[in-house]
Amino acid sequence: MALSVGRIFSGFRCFGSLPFWTPQLKTQCSSVLFRTTSKRTLVQALPAIFSRKPRDFSLPNSSWGEEMMQLYNHYNSQSEEATEGREDRGEQWQRLPSYNRSLKYATGGVYLSKIIQSKARLFTRNIRDPGTAFEYVLFFRQDKLKCVCIFQAGHLLEGPPGHVHGGAIATMIDTVTGTHASLLSAPVMTANLNINYRRVASKNETVSHHVRGSHEIIM
């Protein structure tokens, strides 16, 4: 045991005396070769882990059903990006990007700690696996004061067997109305939300929420 510990410390001394990128490390110290290989592997993996471009959850993925894709293509084909350069642009909808975190700040513009920011996740985007929870995309039309949400619920949002939990539907209604109000005025918070459910929604069923300027919701 004493001999093994001595070899380990000898390897660390060798590592500490030379920079890890020195080409001659392979012949001088095998322990250093192991460490440098680990470092190179880690460096190569960093770009994938800490990607500068965040994932836009509002873009289609393999879990989206046929009806959801049809509705997405319908509104996206009338978006500003899709109609750019056309003479007759017609109705123009804006697809709203959606990420799994938002900037957290306190009153007066004082930012919260970086630890809180790094761990915070948007409730409807806190599960990264496609199709397991909230799959949705929002489109907004400024001239008509309209907002449309296309929503598909995954198996983690189940309430009654085979159907979506009412709280998940309420969450999406709250999301689309809050987003709509924030786009028309300023960031808002819900004070009261009353919902009269007409029927249950099945898992993986596509549901669309339409919000008008008066915040009337049509489903």
C-alpha atoms as a PDB file:
ATOM      1  CA  MET A   1       0.000   0.000   0.000  1.00  0.00           C
ATOM      2  CA  ALA A   2       2.805   2.429   0.906  1.00  0.00           C
ATOM      3  CA  LEU A   3       4.510   1.737  -2.403  1.00  0.00           C
ATOM      4  CA  SER A   4       1.292   2.316  -4.372  1.00  0.00           C
ATOM      5  CA  VAL A   5       0.604   5.604  -2.592  1.00  0.00           C
ATOM      6  CA  GLY A   6       4.171   6.675  -3.259  1.00  0.00           C
ATOM      7  CA  ARG A   7       3.758   5.997  -6.968  1.00  0.00           C
ATOM      8  CA  ILE A   8       0.553   8.007  -7.029  1.00  0.00           C
ATOM      9  CA  PHE A   9       2.173  11.014  -5.416  1.00  0.00           C
ATOM     10  CA  SER A  10       5.162  10.604  -7.677  1.00  0.00           C
ATOM     11  CA  GLY A  11       2.804  10.839 -10.635  1.00  0.00           C
ATOM     12  CA  PHE A  12       1.235  14.003  -9.238  1.00  0.00           C
ATOM     13  CA  ARG A  13       4.662  15.568  -8.744  1.00  0.00           C
ATOM     14  CA  CYS A  14       5.487  14.773 -12.339  1.00  0.00           C
ATOM     15  CA  PHE A  15       2.197  16.306 -13.453  1.00  0.00           C
ATOM     16  CA  GLY A  16       2.781  19.441 -11.428  1.00  0.00           C
ATOM     17  CA  SER A  17       6.242  20.030 -12.833  1.00  0.00           C
ATOM     18  CA  LEU A  18       5.250  20.050 -16.507  1.00  0.00           C
ATOM     19  CA  PRO A  19       2.438  21.648 -18.534  1.00  0.00           C
ATOM     20  CA  PHE A  20      -0.163  19.100 -19.630  1.00  0.00           C
ATOM     21  CA  TRP A  21       0.223  19.953 -23.323  1.00  0.00           C
ATOM     22  CA  THR A  22       3.937  19.066 -23.448  1.00  0.00           C
ATOM     23  CA  PRO A  23       4.449  16.357 -26.132  1.00  0.00           C
ATOM     24  CA  GLN A  24       7.152  14.566 -24.095  1.00  0.00           C
ATOM     25  CA  LEU A  25       4.795  13.670 -21.244  1.00  0.00           C
ATOM     26  CA  LYS A  26       4.098  10.214 -22.696  1.00  0.00           C
ATOM     27  CA  THR A  27       7.626   9.004 -22.053  1.00  0.00           C
ATOM     28  CA  GLN A  28       8.175  10.778 -18.737  1.00  0.00           C
ATOM     29  CA  CYS A  29       5.063   9.919 -16.776  1.00  0.00           C
ATOM     30  CA  SER A  30       2.218   7.519 -17.548  1.00  0.00           C
ATOM     31  CA  SER A  31       0.004   9.173 -14.938  1.00  0.00           C
ATOM     32  CA  VAL A  32       0.231  12.426 -16.838  1.00  0.00           C
ATOM     33  CA  LEU A  33      -0.856  10.712 -20.041  1.00  0.00           C
ATOM     34  CA  PHE A  34      -4.027   9.583 -18.285  1.00  0.00           C
ATOM     35  CA  ARG A  35      -4.721  13.058 -16.977  1.00  0.00           C
ATOM     36  CA  THR A  36      -4.071  14.762 -20.295  1.00  0.00           C
ATOM     37  CA  THR A  37      -6.318  12.301 -22.122  1.00  0.00           C
ATOM     38  CA  SER A  38      -9.096  13.058 -19.652  1.00  0.00           C
ATOM     39  CA  LYS A  39      -8.600  16.772 -20.099  1.00  0.00           C
ATOM     40  CA  ARG A  40      -8.708  16.513 -23.872  1.00  0.00           C
ATOM     41  CA  THR A  41     -11.899  14.433 -23.696  1.00  0.00           C
ATOM     42  CA  LEU A  42     -13.445  16.967 -21.346  1.00  0.00           C
ATOM     43  CA  VAL A  43     -12.509  19.871 -23.579  1.00  0.00           C
ATOM     44  CA  GLN A  44     -14.056  18.146 -26.582  1.00  0.00           C
ATOM     45  CA  ALA A  45     -17.281  17.520 -24.656  1.00  0.00           C
ATOM     46  CA  LEU A  46     -17.636  21.082 -23.391  1.00  0.00           C
ATOM     47  CA  PRO A  47     -19.156  22.581 -26.547  1.00  0.00           C
ATOM     48  CA  ALA A  48     -21.974  20.024 -26.498  1.00  0.00           C
ATOM     49  CA  ILE A  49     -22.722  20.600 -22.803  1.00  0.00           C
ATOM     50  CA  PHE A  50     -22.394  24.368 -22.761  1.00  0.00           C
ATOM     51  CA  SER A  51     -23.844  25.241 -26.133  1.00  0.00           C
ATOM     52  CA  ARG A  52     -24.008  28.972 -26.768  1.00  0.00           C
ATOM     53  CA  LYS A  53     -27.233  28.626 -28.743  1.00  0.00           C
ATOM     54  CA  PRO A  54     -30.131  27.657 -26.457  1.00  0.00           C
ATOM     55  CA  ARG A  55     -32.693  25.129 -27.590  1.00  0.00           C
ATOM     56  CA  ASP A  56     -35.907  26.583 -28.964  1.00  0.00           C
ATOM     57  CA  PHE A  57     -38.648  24.296 -27.634  1.00  0.00           C
ATOM     58  CA  SER A  58     -41.273  25.818 -29.945  1.00  0.00           C
ATOM     59  CA  LEU A  59     -39.786  24.118 -33.015  1.00  0.00           C
ATOM     60  CA  PRO A  60     -41.247  20.798 -34.243  1.00  0.00           C
ATOM     61  CA  ASN A  61     -39.812  17.508 -33.016  1.00  0.00           C
ATOM     62  CA  SER A  62     -40.485  13.831 -33.671  1.00  0.00           C
ATOM     63  CA  SER A  63     -43.170  13.594 -30.950  1.00  0.00           C
ATOM     64  CA  TRP A  64     -45.537  16.044 -32.621  1.00  0.00           C
ATOM     65  CA  GLY A  65     -48.637  14.401 -34.041  1.00  0.00           C
ATOM     66  CA  GLU A  66     -50.024  14.918 -37.528  1.00  0.00           C
ATOM     67  CA  GLU A  67     -52.678  17.405 -36.438  1.00  0.00           C
ATOM     68  CA  MET A  68     -50.205  19.483 -34.470  1.00  0.00           C
ATOM     69  CA  MET A  69     -47.844  19.603 -37.438  1.00  0.00           C
ATOM     70  CA  GLN A  70     -50.689  20.653 -39.739  1.00  0.00           C
ATOM     71  CA  LEU A  71     -51.662  23.531 -37.466  1.00  0.00           C
ATOM     72  CA  TYR A  72     -48.023  24.533 -37.030  1.00  0.00           C
ATOM     73  CA  ASN A  73     -47.455  24.590 -40.785  1.00  0.00           C
ATOM     74  CA  HIS A  74     -50.690  26.530 -41.299  1.00  0.00           C
ATOM     75  CA  TYR A  75     -49.676  29.404 -39.017  1.00  0.00           C
ATOM     76  CA  ASN A  76     -45.967  29.233 -39.769  1.00  0.00           C
ATOM     77  CA  SER A  77     -46.636  29.554 -43.504  1.00  0.00           C
ATOM     78  CA  GLN A  78     -48.273  32.898 -42.709  1.00  0.00           C
ATOM     79  CA  SER A  79     -45.486  34.081 -40.439  1.00  0.00           C
ATOM     80  CA  GLU A  80     -43.267  37.082 -41.113  1.00  0.00           C
ATOM     81  CA  GLU A  81     -40.303  34.851 -41.930  1.00  0.00           C
ATOM     82  CA  ALA A  82     -42.223  32.680 -44.391  1.00  0.00           C
ATOM     83  CA  THR A  83     -43.822  35.623 -46.237  1.00  0.00           C
ATOM     84  CA  GLU A  84     -40.721  37.790 -46.397  1.00  0.00           C
ATOM     85  CA  GLY A  85     -40.106  38.997 -49.963  1.00  0.00           C
ATOM     86  CA  ARG A  86     -43.631  38.288 -51.202  1.00  0.00           C
ATOM     87  CA  GLU A  87     -45.740  41.057 -52.725  1.00  0.00           C
ATOM     88  CA  ASP A  88     -48.963  39.829 -51.134  1.00  0.00           C
ATOM     89  CA  ARG A  89     -47.951  38.858 -47.625  1.00  0.00           C
ATOM     90  CA  GLY A  90     -51.539  38.505 -46.344  1.00  0.00           C
ATOM     91  CA  GLU A  91     -51.990  37.596 -42.698  1.00  0.00           C
ATOM     92  CA  GLN A  92     -48.751  37.693 -40.763  1.00  0.00           C
ATOM     93  CA  TRP A  93     -48.255  35.648 -37.639  1.00  0.00           C
ATOM     94  CA  GLN A  94     -45.166  35.697 -35.473  1.00  0.00           C
ATOM     95  CA  ARG A  95     -43.916  32.445 -33.982  1.00  0.00           C
ATOM     96  CA  LEU A  96     -42.760  33.070 -30.419  1.00  0.00           C
ATOM     97  CA  PRO A  97     -39.510  31.269 -29.496  1.00  0.00           C
ATOM     98  CA  SER A  98     -39.650  29.349 -26.222  1.00  0.00           C
ATOM     99  CA  TYR A  99     -36.724  28.394 -23.983  1.00  0.00           C
ATOM    100  CA  ASN A 100     -36.424  26.494 -20.718  1.00  0.00           C
ATOM    101  CA  ARG A 101     -35.282  29.448 -18.670  1.00  0.00           C
ATOM    102  CA  SER A 102     -35.954  33.159 -18.508  1.00  0.00           C
ATOM    103  CA  LEU A 103     -33.980  36.013 -16.999  1.00  0.00           C
ATOM    104  CA  LYS A 104     -34.693  36.259 -13.313  1.00  0.00           C
ATOM    105  CA  TYR A 105     -34.613  39.715 -11.786  1.00  0.00           C
ATOM    106  CA  ALA A 106     -35.932  41.542  -8.741  1.00  0.00           C
ATOM    107  CA  THR A 107     -37.760  44.856  -8.471  1.00  0.00           C
ATOM    108  CA  GLY A 108     -35.453  47.735  -9.287  1.00  0.00           C
ATOM    109  CA  GLY A 109     -33.428  45.780 -11.816  1.00  0.00           C
ATOM    110  CA  VAL A 110     -31.223  43.985  -9.282  1.00  0.00           C
ATOM    111  CA  TYR A 111     -30.425  40.514 -10.626  1.00  0.00           C
ATOM    112  CA  LEU A 112     -30.798  37.482  -8.434  1.00  0.00           C
ATOM    113  CA  SER A 113     -27.796  35.325  -7.659  1.00  0.00           C
ATOM    114  CA  LYS A 114     -26.224  33.320 -10.467  1.00  0.00           C
ATOM    115  CA  ILE A 115     -26.896  30.119  -8.524  1.00  0.00           C
ATOM    116  CA  ILE A 116     -30.646  30.765  -8.573  1.00  0.00           C
ATOM    117  CA  GLN A 117     -30.537  31.688 -12.241  1.00  0.00           C
ATOM    118  CA  SER A 118     -28.571  28.591 -13.209  1.00  0.00           C
ATOM    119  CA  LYS A 119     -31.011  26.237 -11.461  1.00  0.00           C
ATOM    120  CA  ALA A 120     -34.222  27.990 -12.472  1.00  0.00           C
ATOM    121  CA  ARG A 121     -36.289  26.428 -15.252  1.00  0.00           C
ATOM    122  CA  LEU A 122     -39.526  27.493 -16.874  1.00  0.00           C
ATOM    123  CA  PHE A 123     -42.250  25.211 -15.501  1.00  0.00           C
ATOM    124  CA  THR A 124     -43.658  24.232 -18.901  1.00  0.00           C
ATOM    125  CA  ARG A 125     -40.167  23.580 -20.328  1.00  0.00           C
ATOM    126  CA  ASN A 126     -38.415  21.822 -17.437  1.00  0.00           C
ATOM    127  CA  ILE A 127     -38.468  18.373 -19.116  1.00  0.00           C
ATOM    128  CA  ARG A 128     -36.206  18.041 -22.121  1.00  0.00           C
ATOM    129  CA  ASP A 129     -37.419  14.673 -23.434  1.00  0.00           C
ATOM    130  CA  PRO A 130     -39.687  15.320 -26.452  1.00  0.00           C
ATOM    131  CA  GLY A 131     -43.320  14.304 -26.115  1.00  0.00           C
ATOM    132  CA  THR A 132     -43.310  13.580 -22.387  1.00  0.00           C
ATOM    133  CA  ALA A 133     -44.949  16.727 -21.021  1.00  0.00           C
ATOM    134  CA  PHE A 134     -45.814  20.141 -22.485  1.00  0.00           C
ATOM    135  CA  GLU A 135     -45.396  20.321 -26.250  1.00  0.00           C
ATOM    136  CA  TYR A 136     -46.656  23.654 -27.496  1.00  0.00           C
ATOM    137  CA  VAL A 137     -45.983  26.606 -29.753  1.00  0.00           C
ATOM    138  CA  LEU A 138     -47.423  30.133 -29.678  1.00  0.00           C
ATOM    139  CA  PHE A 139     -48.179  32.396 -32.631  1.00  0.00           C
ATOM    140  CA  PHE A 140     -49.015  36.082 -32.231  1.00  0.00           C
ATOM    141  CA  ARG A 141     -50.652  38.531 -34.628  1.00  0.00           C
ATOM    142  CA  GLN A 142     -50.213  42.178 -33.673  1.00  0.00           C
ATOM    143  CA  ASP A 143     -52.753  43.789 -36.023  1.00  0.00           C
ATOM    144  CA  LYS A 144     -55.628  41.571 -34.849  1.00  0.00           C
ATOM    145  CA  LEU A 145     -54.482  41.376 -31.214  1.00  0.00           C
ATOM    146  CA  LYS A 146     -54.628  37.593 -31.401  1.00  0.00           C
ATOM    147  CA  CYS A 147     -52.535  34.817 -29.882  1.00  0.00           C
ATOM    148  CA  VAL A 148     -52.834  31.129 -30.753  1.00  0.00           C
ATOM    149  CA  CYS A 149     -51.371  28.253 -28.757  1.00  0.00           C
ATOM    150  CA  ILE A 150     -51.080  24.765 -30.259  1.00  0.00           C
ATOM    151  CA  PHE A 151     -50.688  22.265 -27.433  1.00  0.00           C
ATOM    152  CA  GLN A 152     -50.068  18.521 -27.179  1.00  0.00           C
ATOM    153  CA  ALA A 153     -49.850  16.826 -23.779  1.00  0.00           C
ATOM    154  CA  GLY A 154     -47.464  13.967 -23.006  1.00  0.00           C
ATOM    155  CA  HIS A 155     -47.907  10.986 -20.696  1.00  0.00           C
ATOM    156  CA  LEU A 156     -46.424  12.804 -17.683  1.00  0.00           C
ATOM    157  CA  LEU A 157     -49.437  15.146 -17.672  1.00  0.00           C
ATOM    158  CA  GLU A 158     -52.003  12.395 -17.188  1.00  0.00           C
ATOM    159  CA  GLY A 159     -54.928  12.929 -14.833  1.00  0.00           C
ATOM    160  CA  PRO A 160     -57.858  10.549 -15.361  1.00  0.00           C
ATOM    161  CA  PRO A 161     -56.547   7.391 -17.065  1.00  0.00           C
ATOM    162  CA  GLY A 162     -55.751   8.173 -20.675  1.00  0.00           C
ATOM    163  CA  HIS A 163     -56.604  11.844 -20.354  1.00  0.00           C
ATOM    164  CA  VAL A 164     -54.858  15.117 -19.578  1.00  0.00           C
ATOM    165  CA  HIS A 165     -54.867  16.524 -16.059  1.00  0.00           C
ATOM    166  CA  GLY A 166     -57.055  19.610 -15.759  1.00  0.00           C
ATOM    167  CA  GLY A 167     -54.205  21.472 -14.089  1.00  0.00           C
ATOM    168  CA  ALA A 168     -52.043  21.004 -17.184  1.00  0.00           C
ATOM    169  CA  ILE A 169     -54.746  22.519 -19.378  1.00  0.00           C
ATOM    170  CA  ALA A 170     -55.125  25.390 -16.905  1.00  0.00           C
ATOM    171  CA  THR A 171     -51.355  25.917 -17.059  1.00  0.00           C
ATOM    172  CA  MET A 172     -51.482  26.315 -20.828  1.00  0.00           C
ATOM    173  CA  ILE A 173     -54.440  28.690 -20.635  1.00  0.00           C
ATOM    174  CA  ASP A 174     -52.547  30.740 -18.064  1.00  0.00           C
ATOM    175  CA  THR A 175     -49.440  30.655 -20.282  1.00  0.00           C
ATOM    176  CA  VAL A 176     -51.137  31.853 -23.447  1.00  0.00           C
ATOM    177  CA  THR A 177     -53.224  34.572 -21.744  1.00  0.00           C
ATOM    178  CA  GLY A 178     -50.214  35.828 -19.781  1.00  0.00           C
ATOM    179  CA  THR A 179     -48.041  35.886 -22.891  1.00  0.00           C
ATOM    180  CA  HIS A 180     -50.744  37.679 -24.862  1.00  0.00           C
ATOM    181  CA  ALA A 181     -51.229  40.340 -22.190  1.00  0.00           C
ATOM    182  CA  SER A 182     -47.469  40.825 -21.816  1.00  0.00           C
ATOM    183  CA  LEU A 183     -47.058  41.358 -25.560  1.00  0.00           C
ATOM    184  CA  LEU A 184     -49.840  43.942 -25.638  1.00  0.00           C
ATOM    185  CA  SER A 185     -48.799  45.854 -22.541  1.00  0.00           C
ATOM    186  CA  ALA A 186     -46.079  44.849 -20.087  1.00  0.00           C
ATOM    187  CA  PRO A 187     -45.091  41.774 -18.047  1.00  0.00           C
ATOM    188  CA  VAL A 188     -48.109  40.667 -16.021  1.00  0.00           C
ATOM    189  CA  MET A 189     -49.057  38.112 -13.376  1.00  0.00           C
ATOM    190  CA  THR A 190     -52.344  36.244 -13.070  1.00  0.00           C
ATOM    191  CA  ALA A 191     -54.595  37.493 -10.276  1.00  0.00           C
ATOM    192  CA  ASN A 192     -57.585  35.251 -10.944  1.00  0.00           C
ATOM    193  CA  LEU A 193     -58.282  32.373 -13.336  1.00  0.00           C
ATOM    194  CA  ASN A 194     -61.727  30.764 -13.615  1.00  0.00           C
ATOM    195  CA  ILE A 195     -62.214  27.842 -16.002  1.00  0.00           C
ATOM    196  CA  ASN A 196     -65.350  25.930 -16.942  1.00  0.00           C
ATOM    197  CA  TYR A 197     -64.273  22.677 -18.598  1.00  0.00           C
ATOM    198  CA  ARG A 198     -66.523  21.380 -21.369  1.00  0.00           C
ATOM    199  CA  ARG A 199     -64.910  17.989 -21.899  1.00  0.00           C
ATOM    200  CA  VAL A 200     -61.795  15.970 -21.131  1.00  0.00           C
ATOM    201  CA  ALA A 201     -58.770  15.968 -23.446  1.00  0.00           C
ATOM    202  CA  SER A 202     -56.995  12.747 -24.369  1.00  0.00           C
ATOM    203  CA  LYS A 203     -53.256  12.281 -24.087  1.00  0.00           C
ATOM    204  CA  ASN A 204     -51.378  13.259 -27.249  1.00  0.00           C
ATOM    205  CA  GLU A 205     -54.494  15.041 -28.507  1.00  0.00           C
ATOM    206  CA  THR A 206     -53.802  18.405 -30.117  1.00  0.00           C
ATOM    207  CA  VAL A 207     -55.623  21.313 -28.477  1.00  0.00           C
ATOM    208  CA  SER A 208     -55.542  24.903 -29.729  1.00  0.00           C
ATOM    209  CA  HIS A 209     -56.151  27.977 -27.571  1.00  0.00           C
ATOM    210  CA  HIS A 210     -57.162  31.223 -29.297  1.00  0.00           C
ATOM    211  CA  VAL A 211     -56.923  34.442 -27.308  1.00  0.00           C
ATOM    212  CA  ARG A 212     -58.354  37.735 -28.509  1.00  0.00           C
ATOM    213  CA  GLY A 213     -57.734  41.285 -27.378  1.00  0.00           C
ATOM    214  CA  SER A 214     -60.450  40.977 -24.759  1.00  0.00           C
ATOM    215  CA  HIS A 215     -58.695  37.837 -23.412  1.00  0.00           C
ATOM    216  CA  GLU A 216     -61.595  35.675 -24.510  1.00  0.00           C
ATOM    217  CA  ILE A 217     -60.358  32.104 -24.957  1.00  0.00           C
ATOM    218  CA  ILE A 218     -61.715  29.775 -27.623  1.00  0.00           C
ATOM    219  CA  MET A 219     -60.797  26.093 -27.543  1.00  0.00           C
END
